[in-house]
Amino acid sequence: MIGMIMFVVALFMLMVGFPVAFTFGGVALFFGVFAEGMDLFAFMPFRIMSVMQNKVLMAVPLFIFMGVVLQRTRLAEQLLTSMGRLFGGLPGGLAISTILVGALLAASTGVVGASVVAMGLISLPVMLAHKYDKRLSTGTICASGTLGQIVPPSIILIILGDVLGLPVGDLFRAAVIPGVVLVGLYIAYILILTRLKPEMAPAMPEIAGVSRKKEVLNALLAIIPPLALIVVVLGSIFTGIATPTESSALGGVGAVVLAIIYRQFSFQMVWDASKDTVKVTAMVFAILIGATAFSMVFSYTGGDYLLEDWLHMLPGGHWGFIILAMLVILILGFFIDFVEISFIIVPILAPVAEAMGINMLWFAILIAMNLQTSFLTPPFGFALFYLKGVAPPEVRTIDIYRGIIPFILIQILVLALIVVFPEWFGMSATY
């Protein structure tokens, strides 16, 4: 039972605010010494070295660098301004343009914090100025900003590929249809809501002296550069020309080229982007090393066998296991981050899923879709905090919490559709 006690202690420490990496590492050290002594950690340097030499994980800092550089090129600002004018004449047009821009930023940057903050600073004041409902405005921005969790190239898909031993390129391909369906349902919700309650998102008045042709041209000029980068990065993976790691390097170079095109390039910008990349990457790898120590002690004390036996006894076979696994990940997402869930919970669930004959590619996409909701669910949804930090004073925290509820329900609906109808998304539930 030592492994199960470890798990409960670690969750408690996370909920009261202890740093993630030190929580997992500290709990592992305490219980490991209690169970076996310091000899248990003799092989820990070799485990750390294997993490550092993992070529798949090299894509993480490179994609982060690509996203940070693009965020500093004012890409989001130009996209939102142009798309807002393009769709602003429709009721809910600003919200639709925010969703589309969020999808483009997700496919070109994948950095949730940067996307939410950019749209919160640029799009939210415009929506409020045009009498948009606060809940609809904030919910749309938070939901759009988190699309980077499922739309490739997603950092979480790279991490899941490493944890589950799956080709990242296959995960990227499998995530395309769920990502498109999610974007489509977001837009459908906006259209239906504004049809029923047009006062929640009134149309923008036309600007005198600006022709429709010019608005379309401006939108295309803003969309083409990031779209070209998306095609190059994802196209090189899907066609087999480059591995995800190689394409991430290509994306970093492409982001610098776009910075030059937008006349935002400077060596100071590259230096600042590099520092931000190092900070985020260090956080991810510190959590990974702490999680490695935790999983080593958890396995040594027999916690994994105890949990596997219990999961195998669940009623309903693999369907009972899938429902419980998704429910556990969803609930944990209310309190802890997607990185911790990926490195601690997923390795526990993966052997059971494989033993039951569950298609691991399908299982990974279910986890990725589920983890996306962790950015939106109160009380610790990071997207909610990002937006609150840049929102005007009149936008209350309760407005943001109430605004994201419909979008969380849409995400759960898509998750349920992938569970029940995997063939609609080009996948199968079992091998």
Protein backbone atom coordinates (compact mmCIF):
# COMPACT_ATOMS: atom_id res chain seq x y z
CA MET A 1 0.00 0.00 0.00
CA ILE A 2 3.04 2.32 0.15
CA GLY A 3 2.60 3.25 -3.53
CA MET A 4 -1.04 4.24 -3.01
CA ILE A 5 -0.14 6.31 0.06
CA MET A 6 2.55 8.05 -2.04
CA PHE A 7 -0.05 8.92 -4.64
CA VAL A 8 -2.48 10.39 -2.09
CA VAL A 9 0.29 12.39 -0.36
CA ALA A 10 1.51 13.80 -3.70
CA LEU A 11 -2.02 14.88 -4.72
CA PHE A 12 -2.57 16.53 -1.33
CA MET A 13 0.70 18.47 -1.56
CA LEU A 14 -0.15 19.65 -5.08
CA MET A 15 -3.57 20.86 -3.98
CA VAL A 16 -2.13 22.93 -1.13
CA GLY A 17 0.30 24.63 -3.52
CA PHE A 18 3.68 22.89 -3.36
CA PRO A 19 5.77 23.13 -6.59
CA VAL A 20 5.06 20.18 -8.85
CA ALA A 21 8.60 18.97 -9.62
CA PHE A 22 9.71 19.17 -5.97
CA THR A 23 6.53 17.49 -4.79
CA PHE A 24 7.03 14.38 -6.92
CA GLY A 25 10.79 14.28 -6.31
CA GLY A 26 10.45 14.88 -2.55
CA VAL A 27 7.67 12.31 -2.07
CA ALA A 28 9.66 9.77 -4.08
CA LEU A 29 12.81 10.40 -2.01
CA PHE A 30 11.00 10.13 1.34
CA PHE A 31 9.07 6.93 0.57
CA GLY A 32 11.94 5.41 -1.42
CA VAL A 33 14.34 5.77 1.52
CA PHE A 34 11.63 4.47 3.87
CA ALA A 35 10.99 1.40 1.69
CA GLU A 36 14.52 0.45 0.61
CA GLY A 37 17.10 3.07 1.51
CA MET A 38 19.30 5.22 -0.72
CA ASP A 39 20.40 2.19 -2.77
CA LEU A 40 17.06 2.38 -4.58
CA PHE A 41 18.20 5.61 -6.28
CA ALA A 42 21.50 4.20 -7.61
CA PHE A 43 20.08 3.97 -11.13
CA MET A 44 18.43 7.40 -11.06
CA PRO A 45 21.29 9.11 -12.99
CA PHE A 46 20.85 6.62 -15.82
CA ARG A 47 17.11 7.34 -15.95
CA ILE A 48 17.80 11.09 -16.09
CA MET A 49 20.36 10.58 -18.84
CA SER A 50 17.87 8.56 -20.90
CA VAL A 51 15.37 11.43 -20.58
CA MET A 52 17.96 14.00 -21.68
CA GLN A 53 18.99 11.86 -24.69
CA ASN A 54 15.42 11.33 -25.90
CA LYS A 55 15.27 12.72 -29.45
CA VAL A 56 11.47 12.92 -29.46
CA LEU A 57 11.50 15.34 -26.51
CA MET A 58 13.90 17.61 -28.41
CA ALA A 59 10.83 18.84 -30.30
CA VAL A 60 9.39 20.37 -27.10
CA PRO A 61 11.82 23.33 -26.74
CA LEU A 62 11.92 23.87 -30.51
CA PHE A 63 8.13 24.14 -30.84
CA ILE A 64 8.03 26.36 -27.74
CA PHE A 65 10.66 28.63 -29.33
CA MET A 66 8.61 28.78 -32.54
CA GLY A 67 5.52 29.80 -30.58
CA VAL A 68 7.30 32.46 -28.50
CA VAL A 69 8.90 34.06 -31.59
CA LEU A 70 5.55 34.17 -33.41
CA GLN A 71 3.91 35.69 -30.35
CA ARG A 72 6.48 38.50 -30.44
CA THR A 73 5.91 39.22 -34.16
CA ARG A 74 2.41 40.64 -33.43
CA LEU A 75 1.00 37.83 -35.55
CA ALA A 76 -2.07 37.45 -33.33
CA GLU A 77 -2.80 41.18 -33.46
CA GLN A 78 -2.78 41.30 -37.27
CA LEU A 79 -4.84 38.13 -37.55
CA LEU A 80 -7.49 39.29 -35.07
CA THR A 81 -7.79 42.75 -36.60
CA SER A 82 -8.20 41.45 -40.16
CA MET A 83 -10.48 38.52 -39.31
CA GLY A 84 -12.58 40.74 -37.06
CA ARG A 85 -13.31 43.07 -39.95
CA LEU A 86 -13.98 40.11 -42.24
CA PHE A 87 -16.64 38.48 -40.03
CA GLY A 88 -17.66 41.47 -37.90
CA GLY A 89 -20.69 42.23 -40.06
CA LEU A 90 -22.37 39.02 -38.84
CA PRO A 91 -24.03 38.68 -35.43
CA GLY A 92 -21.36 36.90 -33.40
CA GLY A 93 -18.81 37.63 -36.14
CA LEU A 94 -16.14 38.81 -33.70
CA ALA A 95 -16.51 35.61 -31.68
CA ILE A 96 -16.27 33.48 -34.84
CA SER A 97 -13.14 35.32 -35.95
CA THR A 98 -11.62 34.78 -32.47
CA ILE A 99 -12.22 31.03 -32.75
CA LEU A 100 -10.68 30.87 -36.24
CA VAL A 101 -7.67 32.92 -35.14
CA GLY A 102 -7.33 30.69 -32.07
CA ALA A 103 -7.21 27.64 -34.36
CA LEU A 104 -4.56 29.27 -36.58
CA LEU A 105 -2.47 30.29 -33.58
CA ALA A 106 -2.83 26.78 -32.15
CA ALA A 107 -1.51 25.25 -35.37
CA SER A 108 1.32 27.76 -35.68
CA THR A 109 2.37 28.34 -32.05
CA GLY A 110 0.74 25.78 -29.76
CA VAL A 111 1.42 28.02 -26.72
CA VAL A 112 -1.83 28.33 -24.75
CA GLY A 113 -0.72 31.19 -22.49
CA ALA A 114 0.49 33.34 -25.39
CA SER A 115 -2.73 32.75 -27.38
CA VAL A 116 -5.10 33.56 -24.48
CA VAL A 117 -3.16 36.65 -23.43
CA ALA A 118 -2.89 37.96 -27.01
CA MET A 119 -6.61 37.53 -27.68
CA GLY A 120 -7.50 38.86 -24.25
CA LEU A 121 -5.53 42.05 -24.88
CA ILE A 122 -6.72 42.57 -28.47
CA SER A 123 -10.09 40.91 -28.97
CA LEU A 124 -11.77 41.28 -25.56
CA PRO A 125 -11.82 45.13 -25.49
CA VAL A 126 -13.23 45.18 -29.04
CA MET A 127 -15.97 42.68 -28.12
CA LEU A 128 -16.94 44.62 -25.00
CA ALA A 129 -16.93 47.92 -26.94
CA HIS A 130 -19.44 46.41 -29.40
CA LYS A 131 -21.76 45.34 -26.54
CA TYR A 132 -20.87 41.64 -26.56
CA ASP A 133 -21.99 39.65 -23.52
CA LYS A 134 -19.09 39.33 -21.05
CA ARG A 135 -19.62 35.62 -20.52
CA LEU A 136 -19.71 34.85 -24.23
CA SER A 137 -16.63 37.00 -24.89
CA THR A 138 -14.49 35.50 -22.14
CA GLY A 139 -15.63 31.94 -22.79
CA THR A 140 -14.84 32.23 -26.50
CA ILE A 141 -11.33 33.58 -25.85
CA CYS A 142 -10.45 30.93 -23.25
CA ALA A 143 -11.78 28.07 -25.37
CA SER A 144 -10.06 29.33 -28.52
CA GLY A 145 -6.76 29.81 -26.72
CA THR A 146 -6.70 26.20 -25.51
CA LEU A 147 -7.08 24.70 -28.99
CA GLY A 148 -3.28 24.38 -29.01
CA GLN A 149 -3.68 21.31 -26.79
CA ILE A 150 -5.32 19.21 -29.51
CA VAL A 151 -4.51 20.95 -32.81
CA PRO A 152 -1.05 19.83 -34.07
CA PRO A 153 1.76 20.61 -33.46
CA SER A 154 0.72 20.20 -29.84
CA ILE A 155 3.22 19.91 -26.98
CA ILE A 156 0.92 17.52 -25.14
CA LEU A 157 0.84 15.17 -28.15
CA ILE A 158 4.65 15.11 -28.19
CA ILE A 159 4.72 14.28 -24.47
CA LEU A 160 2.04 11.58 -24.87
CA GLY A 161 3.95 10.13 -27.82
CA ASP A 162 7.00 9.73 -25.60
CA VAL A 163 5.09 8.39 -22.57
CA LEU A 164 3.04 5.88 -24.59
CA GLY A 165 5.78 4.99 -27.07
CA LEU A 166 3.76 6.14 -30.10
CA PRO A 167 5.05 7.89 -33.25
CA VAL A 168 4.37 11.61 -32.84
CA GLY A 169 3.58 11.96 -36.55
CA ASP A 170 0.76 9.40 -36.19
CA LEU A 171 -0.60 11.33 -33.20
CA PHE A 172 -0.53 14.58 -35.17
CA ARG A 173 -2.44 12.98 -38.05
CA ALA A 174 -5.01 11.41 -35.69
CA ALA A 175 -5.62 14.74 -33.91
CA VAL A 176 -6.50 16.72 -37.05
CA ILE A 177 -10.14 15.56 -37.40
CA PRO A 178 -11.01 15.94 -33.68
CA GLY A 179 -9.48 19.43 -33.74
CA VAL A 180 -11.50 20.44 -36.82
CA VAL A 181 -14.71 19.01 -35.31
CA LEU A 182 -14.12 20.93 -32.09
CA VAL A 183 -13.60 24.21 -33.96
CA GLY A 184 -16.71 23.53 -36.05
CA LEU A 185 -18.87 22.89 -32.97
CA TYR A 186 -17.57 26.07 -31.29
CA ILE A 187 -18.63 28.09 -34.36
CA ALA A 188 -21.98 26.25 -34.57
CA TYR A 189 -22.65 27.13 -30.91
CA ILE A 190 -21.93 30.82 -31.58
CA LEU A 191 -24.20 30.85 -34.66
CA ILE A 192 -27.09 29.14 -32.85
CA LEU A 193 -26.74 31.33 -29.76
CA THR A 194 -26.64 34.57 -31.74
CA ARG A 195 -29.62 33.44 -33.81
CA LEU A 196 -31.63 32.91 -30.63
CA LYS A 197 -30.21 35.90 -28.72
CA PRO A 198 -28.74 38.42 -31.20
CA GLU A 199 -28.36 41.02 -28.45
CA MET A 200 -25.54 38.94 -26.90
CA ALA A 201 -23.25 39.51 -29.91
CA PRO A 202 -24.43 42.33 -32.23
CA ALA A 203 -22.90 42.85 -35.66
CA MET A 204 -20.16 45.47 -36.12
CA PRO A 205 -21.04 48.56 -38.19
CA GLU A 206 -19.18 48.91 -41.49
CA ILE A 207 -16.24 51.31 -41.69
CA ALA A 208 -16.89 54.14 -44.12
CA GLY A 209 -14.51 54.21 -47.07
CA VAL A 210 -13.26 50.61 -46.65
CA SER A 211 -14.48 48.30 -49.39
CA ARG A 212 -15.36 44.65 -48.85
CA LYS A 213 -12.65 43.69 -51.33
CA LYS A 214 -10.01 45.47 -49.27
CA GLU A 215 -11.19 43.78 -46.06
CA VAL A 216 -10.89 40.35 -47.71
CA LEU A 217 -7.44 41.23 -49.10
CA ASN A 218 -6.20 42.38 -45.68
CA ALA A 219 -7.49 39.16 -44.09
CA LEU A 220 -5.72 37.03 -46.70
CA LEU A 221 -2.45 38.92 -46.23
CA ALA A 222 -2.66 38.28 -42.49
CA ILE A 223 -3.57 34.58 -42.86
CA ILE A 224 -1.16 33.46 -45.61
CA PRO A 225 2.20 33.74 -43.70
CA PRO A 226 1.17 31.67 -40.63
CA LEU A 227 -0.79 29.30 -42.87
CA ALA A 228 2.33 28.75 -44.98
CA LEU A 229 4.30 27.92 -41.82
CA ILE A 230 1.61 25.45 -40.74
CA VAL A 231 1.71 23.74 -44.15
CA VAL A 232 5.51 23.51 -44.06
CA VAL A 233 5.71 22.16 -40.51
CA LEU A 234 2.80 19.71 -40.58
CA GLY A 235 3.18 18.90 -44.28
CA SER A 236 6.78 17.83 -43.78
CA ILE A 237 5.64 15.43 -41.03
CA PHE A 238 2.57 14.02 -42.80
CA THR A 239 4.44 13.40 -46.07
CA GLY A 240 7.34 11.72 -44.29
CA ILE A 241 9.91 14.28 -45.45
CA ALA A 242 10.88 15.14 -41.86
CA THR A 243 10.44 13.71 -38.38
CA PRO A 244 8.54 15.79 -35.79
CA THR A 245 11.88 16.77 -34.23
CA GLU A 246 13.26 17.92 -37.60
CA SER A 247 10.05 19.76 -38.47
CA SER A 248 10.15 21.56 -35.10
CA ALA A 249 13.58 22.90 -36.04
CA LEU A 250 12.11 23.92 -39.40
CA GLY A 251 9.30 25.67 -37.56
CA GLY A 252 11.78 27.61 -35.44
CA VAL A 253 13.58 28.82 -38.55
CA GLY A 254 10.24 29.62 -40.19
CA ALA A 255 9.18 31.69 -37.17
CA VAL A 256 12.38 33.75 -37.43
CA VAL A 257 11.73 34.25 -41.16
CA LEU A 258 8.21 35.51 -40.36
CA ALA A 259 9.69 37.87 -37.78
CA ILE A 260 11.90 39.29 -40.55
CA ILE A 261 8.89 39.59 -42.90
CA TYR A 262 6.88 41.42 -40.23
CA ARG A 263 9.94 43.62 -39.51
CA GLN A 264 9.98 42.50 -35.90
CA PHE A 265 13.33 40.73 -35.99
CA SER A 266 16.16 41.75 -33.69
CA PHE A 267 18.84 39.88 -31.83
CA GLN A 268 17.28 41.15 -28.59
CA MET A 269 13.96 39.53 -29.62
CA VAL A 270 15.74 36.21 -30.29
CA TRP A 271 17.53 36.47 -26.94
CA ASP A 272 14.28 37.17 -25.05
CA ALA A 273 12.47 34.36 -26.89
CA SER A 274 15.32 31.98 -26.08
CA LYS A 275 15.16 32.87 -22.38
CA ASP A 276 11.38 32.31 -22.30
CA THR A 277 11.89 28.98 -24.08
CA VAL A 278 14.49 27.87 -21.53
CA LYS A 279 12.17 28.77 -18.62
CA VAL A 280 9.24 26.76 -19.99
CA THR A 281 11.42 23.84 -21.09
CA ALA A 282 13.18 23.71 -17.70
CA MET A 283 9.79 23.55 -15.99
CA VAL A 284 8.64 20.65 -18.21
CA PHE A 285 11.85 18.65 -17.77
CA ALA A 286 12.04 19.31 -14.01
CA ILE A 287 8.54 17.85 -13.70
CA LEU A 288 9.58 14.93 -15.94
CA ILE A 289 12.60 14.10 -13.75
CA GLY A 290 10.53 14.35 -10.57
CA ALA A 291 7.85 12.16 -12.16
CA THR A 292 10.54 9.64 -13.23
CA ALA A 293 11.70 9.30 -9.61
CA PHE A 294 8.09 9.03 -8.42
CA SER A 295 7.16 6.32 -10.95
CA MET A 296 10.34 4.36 -10.11
CA VAL A 297 9.49 4.23 -6.39
CA PHE A 298 5.78 3.67 -7.12
CA SER A 299 6.65 0.64 -9.27
CA TYR A 300 9.23 -0.73 -6.82
CA THR A 301 6.74 -0.69 -3.94
CA GLY A 302 4.19 -2.62 -6.03
CA GLY A 303 1.72 0.23 -6.47
CA ASP A 304 1.46 -0.33 -10.21
CA TYR A 305 0.55 -4.06 -9.81
CA LEU A 306 -2.04 -3.27 -7.15
CA LEU A 307 -3.65 -0.60 -9.34
CA GLU A 308 -3.56 -2.79 -12.47
CA ASP A 309 -5.27 -5.66 -10.63
CA TRP A 310 -7.98 -3.31 -9.41
CA LEU A 311 -8.52 -1.79 -12.87
CA HIS A 312 -8.75 -5.25 -14.46
CA MET A 313 -11.57 -6.12 -12.05
CA LEU A 314 -13.74 -3.22 -13.18
CA PRO A 315 -17.15 -4.20 -14.62
CA GLY A 316 -17.74 -3.61 -18.32
CA GLY A 317 -14.34 -4.74 -19.60
CA HIS A 318 -12.38 -2.17 -21.57
CA TRP A 319 -15.39 0.18 -21.77
CA GLY A 320 -15.59 0.34 -17.97
CA PHE A 321 -11.87 1.06 -17.88
CA ILE A 322 -12.14 3.83 -20.53
CA ILE A 323 -15.03 5.54 -18.74
CA LEU A 324 -13.24 5.43 -15.37
CA ALA A 325 -9.91 6.58 -16.87
CA MET A 326 -11.52 9.55 -18.63
CA LEU A 327 -13.48 10.46 -15.48
CA VAL A 328 -10.33 10.35 -13.32
CA ILE A 329 -8.33 12.49 -15.78
CA LEU A 330 -11.22 14.97 -16.06
CA ILE A 331 -11.52 15.34 -12.27
CA LEU A 332 -7.75 15.60 -11.73
CA GLY A 333 -7.68 18.30 -14.42
CA PHE A 334 -9.67 20.52 -12.04
CA PHE A 335 -6.71 20.58 -9.66
CA ILE A 336 -3.42 19.69 -11.38
CA ASP A 337 -1.71 20.52 -14.67
CA PHE A 338 -1.68 18.45 -17.87
CA VAL A 339 2.08 17.84 -17.58
CA GLU A 340 1.74 16.13 -14.18
CA ILE A 341 -1.19 14.02 -15.42
CA SER A 342 0.82 12.99 -18.50
CA PHE A 343 3.89 11.94 -16.55
CA ILE A 344 2.21 10.35 -13.50
CA ILE A 345 -1.32 9.14 -14.33
CA VAL A 346 -0.88 8.10 -17.97
CA PRO A 347 2.03 5.66 -17.32
CA ILE A 348 -0.15 3.94 -14.71
CA LEU A 349 -3.11 3.60 -17.09
CA ALA A 350 -1.15 2.69 -20.23
CA PRO A 351 -0.16 -0.93 -19.34
CA VAL A 352 -3.75 -1.76 -18.42
CA ALA A 353 -5.05 -0.27 -21.68
CA GLU A 354 -2.50 -2.22 -23.70
CA ALA A 355 -3.28 -5.48 -21.86
CA MET A 356 -6.98 -5.00 -22.67
CA GLY A 357 -6.22 -4.66 -26.39
CA ILE A 358 -7.21 -1.00 -26.56
CA ASN A 359 -5.85 0.94 -29.55
CA MET A 360 -3.20 3.15 -27.93
CA LEU A 361 -3.44 5.80 -30.66
CA TRP A 362 -7.15 6.21 -29.95
CA PHE A 363 -6.46 6.16 -26.21
CA ALA A 364 -3.85 8.92 -26.60
CA ILE A 365 -6.26 11.18 -28.52
CA LEU A 366 -8.91 10.64 -25.83
CA ILE A 367 -6.40 11.69 -23.18
CA ALA A 368 -5.29 14.76 -25.19
CA MET A 369 -8.89 15.88 -25.71
CA ASN A 370 -9.61 15.33 -22.02
CA LEU A 371 -6.49 17.20 -20.90
CA GLN A 372 -7.56 20.21 -22.96
CA THR A 373 -10.44 20.75 -20.54
CA SER A 374 -7.93 21.02 -17.66
CA PHE A 375 -7.05 24.50 -18.94
CA LEU A 376 -10.70 25.58 -18.63
CA THR A 377 -12.04 23.88 -15.52
CA PRO A 378 -12.23 25.92 -12.31
CA PRO A 379 -10.74 26.44 -9.80
CA PHE A 380 -7.23 26.05 -11.30
CA GLY A 381 -7.79 26.34 -15.07
CA PHE A 382 -4.71 28.16 -16.35
CA ALA A 383 -6.53 29.80 -19.27
CA LEU A 384 -8.92 31.43 -16.80
CA PHE A 385 -6.02 32.96 -14.87
CA TYR A 386 -4.27 34.09 -18.07
CA LEU A 387 -7.39 35.94 -19.22
CA LYS A 388 -8.22 37.41 -15.82
CA GLY A 389 -4.71 38.86 -15.67
CA VAL A 390 -5.27 40.98 -18.81
CA ALA A 391 -9.05 41.54 -18.67
CA PRO A 392 -10.55 44.99 -17.91
CA PRO A 393 -11.70 45.58 -14.30
CA GLU A 394 -15.38 45.27 -15.22
CA VAL A 395 -14.86 41.60 -16.19
CA ARG A 396 -15.24 39.60 -12.98
CA THR A 397 -13.84 36.14 -12.31
CA ILE A 398 -17.37 34.76 -12.07
CA ASP A 399 -18.07 36.06 -15.61
CA ILE A 400 -15.12 34.03 -16.91
CA TYR A 401 -16.14 30.91 -14.94
CA ARG A 402 -19.72 31.07 -16.22
CA GLY A 403 -18.58 31.86 -19.76
CA ILE A 404 -16.47 28.75 -20.22
CA ILE A 405 -19.17 26.26 -19.09
CA PRO A 406 -20.78 25.82 -22.57
CA PHE A 407 -17.36 25.29 -24.16
CA ILE A 408 -16.39 22.68 -21.55
CA LEU A 409 -19.64 20.85 -22.35
CA ILE A 410 -18.78 20.99 -26.07
CA GLN A 411 -15.34 19.51 -25.35
CA ILE A 412 -16.92 16.71 -23.30
CA LEU A 413 -19.38 16.10 -26.16
CA VAL A 414 -16.52 15.72 -28.67
CA LEU A 415 -14.71 13.42 -26.22
CA ALA A 416 -17.87 11.29 -25.93
CA LEU A 417 -18.22 11.16 -29.74
CA ILE A 418 -14.61 9.94 -30.10
CA VAL A 419 -15.32 7.26 -27.46
CA VAL A 420 -18.58 6.03 -28.99
CA PHE A 421 -17.87 6.61 -32.72
CA PRO A 422 -14.07 6.35 -33.20
CA GLU A 423 -14.56 5.41 -36.87
CA TRP A 424 -15.97 8.90 -37.54
CA PHE A 425 -12.54 10.24 -36.61
CA GLY A 426 -10.55 7.70 -38.64
CA MET A 427 -9.67 5.51 -35.63
CA SER A 428 -10.70 2.25 -34.00
CA ALA A 429 -11.18 1.48 -30.32
CA THR A 430 -9.28 -1.82 -30.31
CA TYR A 431 -6.41 -3.39 -32.24
